[in-house]
Protein backbone atom coordinates (compact mmCIF):
# COMPACT_ATOMS: atom_id res chain seq x y z
CA MET A 1 -12.92 -11.58 19.56
CA SER A 2 -11.96 -8.01 20.42
CA GLU A 3 -8.30 -8.03 19.46
CA THR A 4 -6.08 -10.06 17.17
CA ASN A 5 -3.64 -12.65 18.39
CA SER A 6 -0.56 -13.93 16.61
CA GLN A 7 -2.64 -16.30 14.47
CA THR A 8 -5.66 -14.22 13.42
CA PRO A 9 -5.62 -11.84 10.43
CA CYS A 10 -8.04 -9.35 12.01
CA ARG A 11 -10.80 -9.00 14.57
CA TYR A 12 -13.45 -10.26 12.12
CA PRO A 13 -13.83 -13.88 10.96
CA THR A 14 -11.89 -14.52 7.75
CA PRO A 15 -11.74 -17.45 5.32
CA ASP A 16 -9.15 -20.15 5.92
CA PRO A 17 -6.54 -19.74 3.14
CA ALA A 18 -6.36 -23.54 2.97
CA ASP A 19 -10.12 -23.81 2.35
CA LEU A 20 -11.48 -21.13 0.02
CA GLY A 21 -14.23 -23.24 -1.51
CA ALA A 22 -17.07 -21.18 -0.09
CA LEU A 23 -15.89 -17.96 -1.81
CA PRO A 24 -17.19 -16.80 -5.21
CA ASP A 25 -15.09 -18.15 -8.05
CA ASP A 26 -13.56 -14.80 -9.05
CA VAL A 27 -12.61 -13.92 -5.49
CA ARG A 28 -11.08 -17.34 -4.89
CA GLN A 29 -9.15 -17.15 -8.17
CA ARG A 30 -7.71 -13.74 -7.33
CA ILE A 31 -6.54 -14.98 -3.94
CA LEU A 32 -4.97 -18.09 -5.45
CA GLU A 33 -3.14 -15.98 -8.05
CA VAL A 34 -1.67 -13.79 -5.32
CA GLN A 35 -0.73 -16.82 -3.26
CA GLU A 36 1.05 -18.41 -6.21
CA LYS A 37 3.01 -15.22 -6.93
CA ALA A 38 3.87 -14.26 -3.34
CA GLY A 39 4.03 -17.66 -1.70
CA PHE A 40 1.42 -16.65 0.91
CA VAL A 41 -1.98 -14.94 1.10
CA PRO A 42 -1.74 -11.33 2.32
CA ASN A 43 -4.19 -10.88 5.16
CA VAL A 44 -5.92 -7.94 3.49
CA PHE A 45 -7.30 -10.33 0.86
CA LEU A 46 -8.76 -12.57 3.55
CA ALA A 47 -10.26 -9.62 5.41
CA LEU A 48 -11.93 -8.16 2.31
CA ALA A 49 -13.08 -11.58 1.03
CA ARG A 50 -15.73 -11.72 3.72
CA ARG A 51 -17.57 -9.06 1.67
CA PRO A 52 -17.05 -10.05 -1.98
CA ASP A 53 -18.59 -6.90 -3.48
CA GLU A 54 -16.21 -4.70 -1.50
CA PHE A 55 -13.29 -7.03 -2.34
CA ARG A 56 -14.02 -6.53 -6.04
CA ALA A 57 -14.56 -2.77 -5.76
CA PHE A 58 -11.44 -2.11 -3.71
CA LEU A 59 -9.18 -4.19 -5.94
CA ALA A 60 -10.65 -2.71 -9.11
CA TYR A 61 -9.73 0.80 -7.93
CA HIS A 62 -6.38 -0.43 -6.58
CA ASP A 63 -5.51 -1.97 -9.95
CA ALA A 64 -6.74 1.05 -11.90
CA LEU A 65 -4.34 3.29 -9.95
CA LEU A 66 -1.32 1.07 -9.41
CA LEU A 67 -1.21 -0.85 -12.69
CA ARG A 68 -1.96 1.94 -15.16
CA GLU A 69 0.61 3.70 -17.31
CA SER A 70 1.70 6.78 -15.39
CA GLY A 71 4.39 9.38 -14.98
CA LEU A 72 4.99 7.80 -11.57
CA SER A 73 7.16 4.70 -11.33
CA LYS A 74 5.93 1.64 -9.45
CA GLY A 75 8.38 2.49 -6.71
CA GLU A 76 7.14 6.08 -6.44
CA ARG A 77 3.56 4.88 -6.08
CA GLU A 78 4.65 2.67 -3.22
CA MET A 79 6.57 5.59 -1.69
CA ILE A 80 3.29 7.51 -1.52
CA ILE A 81 1.53 4.58 0.14
CA VAL A 82 4.27 4.02 2.73
CA ALA A 83 4.73 7.70 3.65
CA THR A 84 1.03 8.45 3.98
CA SER A 85 0.33 5.17 5.78
CA GLY A 86 3.05 6.12 8.23
CA ALA A 87 1.32 9.45 8.82
CA ASN A 88 -1.94 7.56 9.41
CA GLN A 89 -0.16 5.09 11.74
CA CYS A 90 -1.34 2.10 9.72
CA LEU A 91 0.82 -0.85 10.72
CA TYR A 92 -0.52 -3.18 8.03
CA CYS A 93 0.03 -0.85 5.09
CA VAL A 94 3.44 0.36 6.27
CA VAL A 95 4.70 -3.20 6.67
CA ALA A 96 3.07 -4.72 3.58
CA HIS A 97 3.76 -1.88 1.17
CA GLY A 98 7.14 -1.24 2.74
CA ALA A 99 8.04 -4.76 1.64
CA ILE A 100 6.82 -4.10 -1.90
CA LEU A 101 8.75 -0.81 -1.98
CA ARG A 102 11.96 -2.52 -0.87
CA VAL A 103 11.58 -5.06 -3.67
CA TYR A 104 10.84 -2.45 -6.36
CA GLU A 105 13.59 -0.04 -5.34
CA LYS A 106 16.14 -2.61 -4.13
CA ALA A 107 16.64 -0.30 -1.13
CA PRO A 108 16.44 -2.16 2.19
CA ARG A 109 16.27 0.98 4.38
CA LEU A 110 14.00 3.20 2.31
CA ALA A 111 10.61 2.07 3.60
CA ASP A 112 11.65 2.60 7.23
CA GLN A 113 12.88 6.10 6.38
CA LEU A 114 9.69 7.04 4.56
CA ALA A 115 7.34 5.68 7.18
CA THR A 116 9.16 7.58 9.94
CA ASN A 117 10.13 10.89 8.28
CA TYR A 118 10.22 11.13 4.50
CA ARG A 119 12.02 14.50 4.74
CA LYS A 120 15.14 12.66 5.94
CA ALA A 121 14.87 9.78 3.47
CA ASP A 122 17.29 8.97 0.67
CA ILE A 123 15.08 10.24 -2.15
CA THR A 124 15.40 12.73 -5.00
CA PRO A 125 14.16 16.35 -4.83
CA ARG A 126 11.39 15.32 -7.27
CA GLN A 127 10.24 12.54 -4.96
CA HIS A 128 10.47 14.87 -1.97
CA ALA A 129 8.10 17.29 -3.72
CA MET A 130 5.78 14.40 -4.58
CA LEU A 131 5.61 13.35 -0.92
CA ASP A 132 5.20 16.94 0.30
CA PHE A 133 2.05 17.04 -1.80
CA ALA A 134 0.87 13.55 -0.84
CA LEU A 135 1.19 14.33 2.87
CA LYS A 136 -0.73 17.56 2.40
CA VAL A 137 -3.51 15.63 0.67
CA CYS A 138 -3.36 13.06 3.46
CA LEU A 139 -3.49 15.49 6.38
CA ARG A 140 -4.69 18.90 5.10
CA SER A 141 -6.45 18.40 1.78
CA ALA A 142 -8.64 21.47 2.28
CA GLU A 143 -5.50 23.61 2.01
CA VAL A 144 -4.37 22.32 -1.41
CA GLY A 145 -4.18 25.14 -3.93
CA GLU A 146 -2.49 26.40 -7.08
CA ASP A 147 0.88 26.85 -5.39
CA ASP A 148 0.96 23.13 -4.70
CA TYR A 149 0.29 22.33 -8.34
CA SER A 150 2.96 24.81 -9.42
CA ALA A 151 5.53 23.21 -7.11
CA LEU A 152 4.87 19.80 -8.69
CA HIS A 153 4.89 21.20 -12.24
CA ALA A 154 8.35 22.62 -11.51
CA HIS A 155 9.55 19.06 -10.89
CA GLY A 156 8.09 17.72 -14.14
CA PHE A 157 4.79 16.33 -12.88
CA ASP A 158 1.76 17.00 -15.07
CA ASP A 159 -1.84 17.27 -13.95
CA GLU A 160 -2.51 13.56 -14.59
CA ASP A 161 0.44 12.65 -12.37
CA ILE A 162 -1.00 14.92 -9.68
CA TRP A 163 -4.36 13.16 -10.01
CA ASP A 164 -2.50 9.85 -9.47
CA ILE A 165 -0.71 11.14 -6.36
CA THR A 166 -4.02 12.39 -4.98
CA SER A 167 -5.99 9.25 -5.76
CA ILE A 168 -3.38 6.86 -4.37
CA THR A 169 -3.24 8.92 -1.18
CA ALA A 170 -7.03 8.93 -0.94
CA LEU A 171 -7.49 5.21 -1.60
CA PHE A 172 -4.94 4.30 1.02
CA GLY A 173 -6.47 6.77 3.45
CA LEU A 174 -9.53 4.53 3.20
CA SER A 175 -7.40 1.40 3.49
CA ASN A 176 -5.46 2.76 6.48
CA ARG A 177 -8.62 3.55 8.39
CA LEU A 178 -10.19 0.19 7.68
CA ALA A 179 -7.01 -1.73 8.54
CA ASN A 180 -6.53 0.18 11.78
CA THR A 181 -10.12 -0.25 12.89
CA ILE A 182 -10.26 -4.01 12.24
CA SER A 183 -6.73 -4.57 13.67
CA LEU A 184 -5.47 -6.03 10.41
CA ARG A 185 -2.26 -7.92 11.16
CA PRO A 186 0.67 -7.87 8.72
CA ASN A 187 1.74 -11.31 7.56
CA ASP A 188 5.04 -12.36 9.10
CA GLU A 189 6.48 -12.85 5.61
CA PHE A 190 6.33 -9.11 4.89
CA TYR A 191 8.79 -8.09 7.58
CA LEU A 192 11.92 -9.51 5.97
CA LEU A 193 10.87 -9.28 2.34
CA GLY A 194 13.33 -7.15 0.38
CA ARG A 195 15.70 -6.64 3.32
CA LEU A 196 18.16 -9.39 2.45
CA PRO A 197 19.48 -10.44 -0.96
CA ARG A 198 17.56 -13.32 -2.45
CA PRO A 199 19.52 -16.56 -2.38
CA ALA A 200 21.09 -17.49 -5.70
CA LYS A 201 19.11 -20.00 -7.71
CA PRO A 202 20.83 -23.39 -7.98
């Protein structure tokens, strides 16, 4: 198969989410946990599951960056992912992490703004400076210098925060390139997630 169709997660064979029995126990358990929380299995988990060692390594680094205590909020971390994934033209990461961003920030339009042109987005000056730096790391990392650090320090970021911005940008640079090359398809569920108010519980 050279391209995806509306039913295939990516151009490579992936496990059937209804039949994960052939996967290693820890990989299967992680997928089931995500499915229980989200109500579906994000296609990136199925794509990575075909290589369990890489599944574990990628998610270990992902969790180390996105779940740690940090000077960046959860929403700001997702802002970095969406803005840099937009610059890298990664459909999967823009759609999937755009959904997560909308949920965290309760801002239905923000992900679209950031993926298209973060300079015009409804964000704070601090977040604008954060994304200026992230996009420089994404597109022109060889040019990063002391002036860039000073600009972030002026907005209250410390050096550990700057490490976080850099590492999130770098990890998703890897993710963007992999997703683009294997034609990773965003799950349909992501597109509307966070755009409409959740129905009231009975």
